[in-house]
Protein backbone atom coordinates (compact mmCIF):
# COMPACT_ATOMS: atom_id res chain seq x y z
CA UNK A 1 0.00 0.00 0.00
CA UNK A 2 1.04 3.54 -0.62
CA UNK A 3 0.36 6.80 1.18
CA UNK A 4 -1.63 7.99 -1.85
CA UNK A 5 -5.29 8.17 -0.70
CA UNK A 6 -6.57 7.40 -4.20
CA UNK A 7 -4.40 4.26 -4.43
CA UNK A 8 -5.75 3.19 -1.02
CA UNK A 9 -9.36 3.45 -2.19
CA UNK A 10 -11.03 0.44 -3.77
CA UNK A 11 -13.31 0.85 -6.77
CA UNK A 12 -16.25 -0.23 -4.53
CA UNK A 13 -15.58 2.79 -2.32
CA UNK A 14 -13.88 0.90 0.51
CA UNK A 15 -10.64 2.03 2.06
CA UNK A 16 -7.82 -0.45 1.64
CA UNK A 17 -7.13 -2.79 4.52
CA UNK A 18 -3.85 -4.35 5.63
CA UNK A 19 -3.76 -6.66 2.58
CA UNK A 20 -4.61 -3.88 0.12
CA UNK A 21 -7.83 -3.27 -1.80
CA UNK A 22 -10.65 -5.78 -2.29
CA UNK A 23 -9.01 -7.52 -5.26
CA UNK A 24 -6.05 -8.36 -3.01
CA UNK A 25 -8.41 -9.85 -0.41
CA UNK A 26 -10.37 -11.67 -3.10
CA UNK A 27 -7.25 -13.33 -4.53
CA UNK A 28 -6.02 -14.24 -1.06
CA UNK A 29 -9.40 -15.81 -0.22
CA UNK A 30 -9.42 -17.78 -3.48
CA UNK A 31 -5.91 -19.05 -2.81
CA UNK A 32 -6.63 -20.04 0.80
CA UNK A 33 -9.90 -21.78 0.04
CA UNK A 34 -8.14 -24.09 -2.44
CA UNK A 35 -6.49 -25.84 0.53
CA UNK A 36 -9.50 -25.73 2.85
CA UNK A 37 -12.65 -27.63 1.80
CA UNK A 38 -14.69 -26.11 4.65
CA UNK A 39 -13.74 -22.60 3.60
CA UNK A 40 -14.39 -23.47 -0.05
CA UNK A 41 -18.08 -24.01 0.76
CA UNK A 42 -18.47 -20.20 0.61
CA UNK A 43 -16.78 -19.91 -2.80
CA UNK A 44 -19.98 -19.12 -4.71
CA UNK A 45 -21.18 -16.31 -2.41
CA UNK A 46 -17.63 -14.91 -2.33
CA UNK A 47 -17.47 -14.73 -6.12
CA UNK A 48 -21.00 -13.33 -6.50
CA UNK A 49 -20.51 -10.65 -3.83
CA UNK A 50 -17.09 -9.65 -5.09
CA UNK A 51 -18.26 -9.24 -8.69
CA UNK A 52 -21.41 -7.38 -7.68
CA UNK A 53 -19.34 -4.98 -5.58
CA UNK A 54 -16.85 -4.61 -8.47
CA UNK A 55 -19.00 -4.96 -11.61
CA UNK A 56 -16.33 -3.52 -13.89
CA UNK A 57 -14.36 -6.75 -13.33
CA UNK A 58 -16.92 -9.06 -14.95
CA UNK A 59 -19.20 -9.49 -17.92
CA UNK A 60 -22.36 -7.53 -17.13
CA UNK A 61 -24.60 -10.29 -18.49
CA UNK A 62 -23.82 -12.49 -15.46
CA UNK A 63 -24.58 -9.95 -12.76
CA UNK A 64 -28.34 -10.57 -12.66
CA UNK A 65 -27.83 -14.28 -11.97
CA UNK A 66 -25.19 -13.52 -9.36
CA UNK A 67 -27.52 -11.02 -7.67
CA UNK A 68 -30.30 -13.60 -7.54
CA UNK A 69 -27.92 -16.27 -6.24
CA UNK A 70 -26.95 -13.99 -3.34
CA UNK A 71 -30.63 -13.46 -2.57
CA UNK A 72 -31.19 -17.24 -2.57
CA UNK A 73 -28.21 -17.66 -0.25
CA UNK A 74 -29.54 -15.06 2.19
CA UNK A 75 -33.09 -16.42 1.99
CA UNK A 76 -32.50 -20.19 2.11
CA UNK A 77 -28.91 -20.58 3.29
CA UNK A 78 -25.64 -21.92 2.02
CA UNK A 79 -26.75 -25.56 1.72
CA UNK A 80 -29.63 -24.64 -0.59
CA UNK A 81 -27.39 -22.46 -2.74
CA UNK A 82 -24.90 -25.31 -3.03
CA UNK A 83 -27.66 -27.78 -4.00
CA UNK A 84 -28.83 -25.44 -6.76
CA UNK A 85 -25.24 -25.10 -8.00
CA UNK A 86 -24.72 -28.89 -8.01
CA UNK A 87 -27.93 -29.36 -10.03
CA UNK A 88 -26.73 -26.73 -12.50
CA UNK A 89 -23.39 -28.50 -12.99
CA UNK A 90 -25.18 -31.84 -13.47
CA UNK A 91 -27.58 -30.22 -15.95
CA UNK A 92 -24.68 -28.82 -17.95
CA UNK A 93 -22.86 -32.19 -17.97
CA UNK A 94 -25.94 -33.88 -19.41
CA UNK A 95 -26.04 -31.49 -22.37
CA UNK A 96 -29.14 -29.54 -21.36
CA UNK A 97 -27.86 -26.67 -23.46
CA UNK A 98 -25.84 -23.55 -22.85
CA UNK A 99 -26.80 -21.05 -20.23
CA UNK A 100 -27.88 -21.07 -16.65
CA UNK A 101 -31.22 -22.53 -15.52
CA UNK A 102 -32.82 -19.47 -13.95
CA UNK A 103 -35.95 -21.32 -12.72
CA UNK A 104 -34.71 -21.74 -9.11
CA UNK A 105 -33.87 -18.02 -9.05
CA UNK A 106 -37.02 -16.68 -10.74
CA UNK A 107 -38.68 -15.70 -7.44
CA UNK A 108 -35.88 -13.28 -6.60
CA UNK A 109 -35.58 -9.64 -7.59
CA UNK A 110 -33.70 -8.91 -10.81
CA UNK A 111 -30.60 -6.75 -10.71
CA UNK A 112 -31.73 -3.11 -10.65
CA UNK A 113 -30.91 -1.00 -13.68
CA UNK A 114 -28.92 2.15 -13.28
CA UNK A 115 -25.43 1.04 -12.43
CA UNK A 116 -23.56 0.03 -9.33
CA UNK A 117 -24.52 1.56 -6.00
CA UNK A 118 -20.81 2.29 -5.47
CA UNK A 119 -20.72 1.94 -1.66
CA UNK A 120 -21.33 -1.04 0.58
CA UNK A 121 -21.47 -1.19 4.38
CA UNK A 122 -19.40 -4.41 4.39
CA UNK A 123 -16.61 -5.13 1.91
CA UNK A 124 -13.76 -7.56 1.40
CA UNK A 125 -11.27 -4.94 2.64
CA UNK A 126 -12.90 -5.28 6.04
CA UNK A 127 -12.40 -9.04 6.30
CA UNK A 128 -10.42 -10.12 9.36
CA UNK A 129 -7.09 -11.66 8.43
CA UNK A 130 -5.03 -13.00 11.33
CA UNK A 131 -2.16 -15.43 11.57
CA UNK A 132 -2.02 -15.62 7.76
CA UNK A 133 -5.61 -16.82 7.43
CA UNK A 134 -9.21 -15.71 6.97
CA UNK A 135 -10.42 -18.61 9.13
CA UNK A 136 -8.20 -18.12 12.17
CA UNK A 137 -11.38 -17.46 14.20
CA UNK A 138 -13.01 -20.58 12.77
CA UNK A 139 -15.11 -21.42 9.74
CA UNK A 140 -18.39 -20.30 11.33
CA UNK A 141 -16.97 -16.81 11.92
CA UNK A 142 -15.64 -16.72 8.35
CA UNK A 143 -19.10 -17.70 7.09
CA UNK A 144 -20.70 -14.89 9.11
CA UNK A 145 -18.29 -12.39 7.52
CA UNK A 146 -19.16 -13.63 4.03
CA UNK A 147 -22.87 -13.46 4.89
CA UNK A 148 -22.47 -9.86 6.10
CA UNK A 149 -20.78 -8.94 2.82
CA UNK A 150 -23.55 -10.69 0.86
CA UNK A 151 -26.23 -8.83 2.88
CA UNK A 152 -24.51 -5.50 2.32
CA UNK A 153 -24.18 -6.23 -1.39
CA UNK A 154 -27.87 -7.08 -1.87
CA UNK A 155 -28.93 -4.18 0.35
CA UNK A 156 -26.90 -1.63 -1.62
CA UNK A 157 -28.07 -2.93 -4.98
CA UNK A 158 -31.70 -2.86 -3.77
CA UNK A 159 -31.22 0.79 -2.79
CA UNK A 160 -30.53 1.61 -6.45
CA UNK A 161 -34.16 0.74 -7.12
CA UNK A 162 -35.44 3.22 -4.50
């Protein structure tokens, strides 16, 4: 990190943490979860929340599905989200055609039009990182941090609609 305030500001509006800006946290989480199957359970909400907080880093056509997946996660929990993802992978392996089956997500609000909300009350820069790990306080605590980021992401995007 530098002493330049602009360089210490993430594109989601968060101030850089000890590891840097959100992309630095995101890459560190992705690397750590590769060696920790329990931590990896939160991979899908991590990816969805990160990309929704940093929409310039993804293809815009996927954001609606990611927004709905976060809503499913917050509504029905991690196990349900993972079951939907497993069914999607199985569907794709059986040649059901390209694209994502949106049926399980149809009950959730579409991504609001009008661009990114820009600020979120919880971001990846705020993730606790101790003793070289995001799970030093345990997997349940890590899961609560990811859930808080997911809640803040959905909440901010919903405010665009208001």
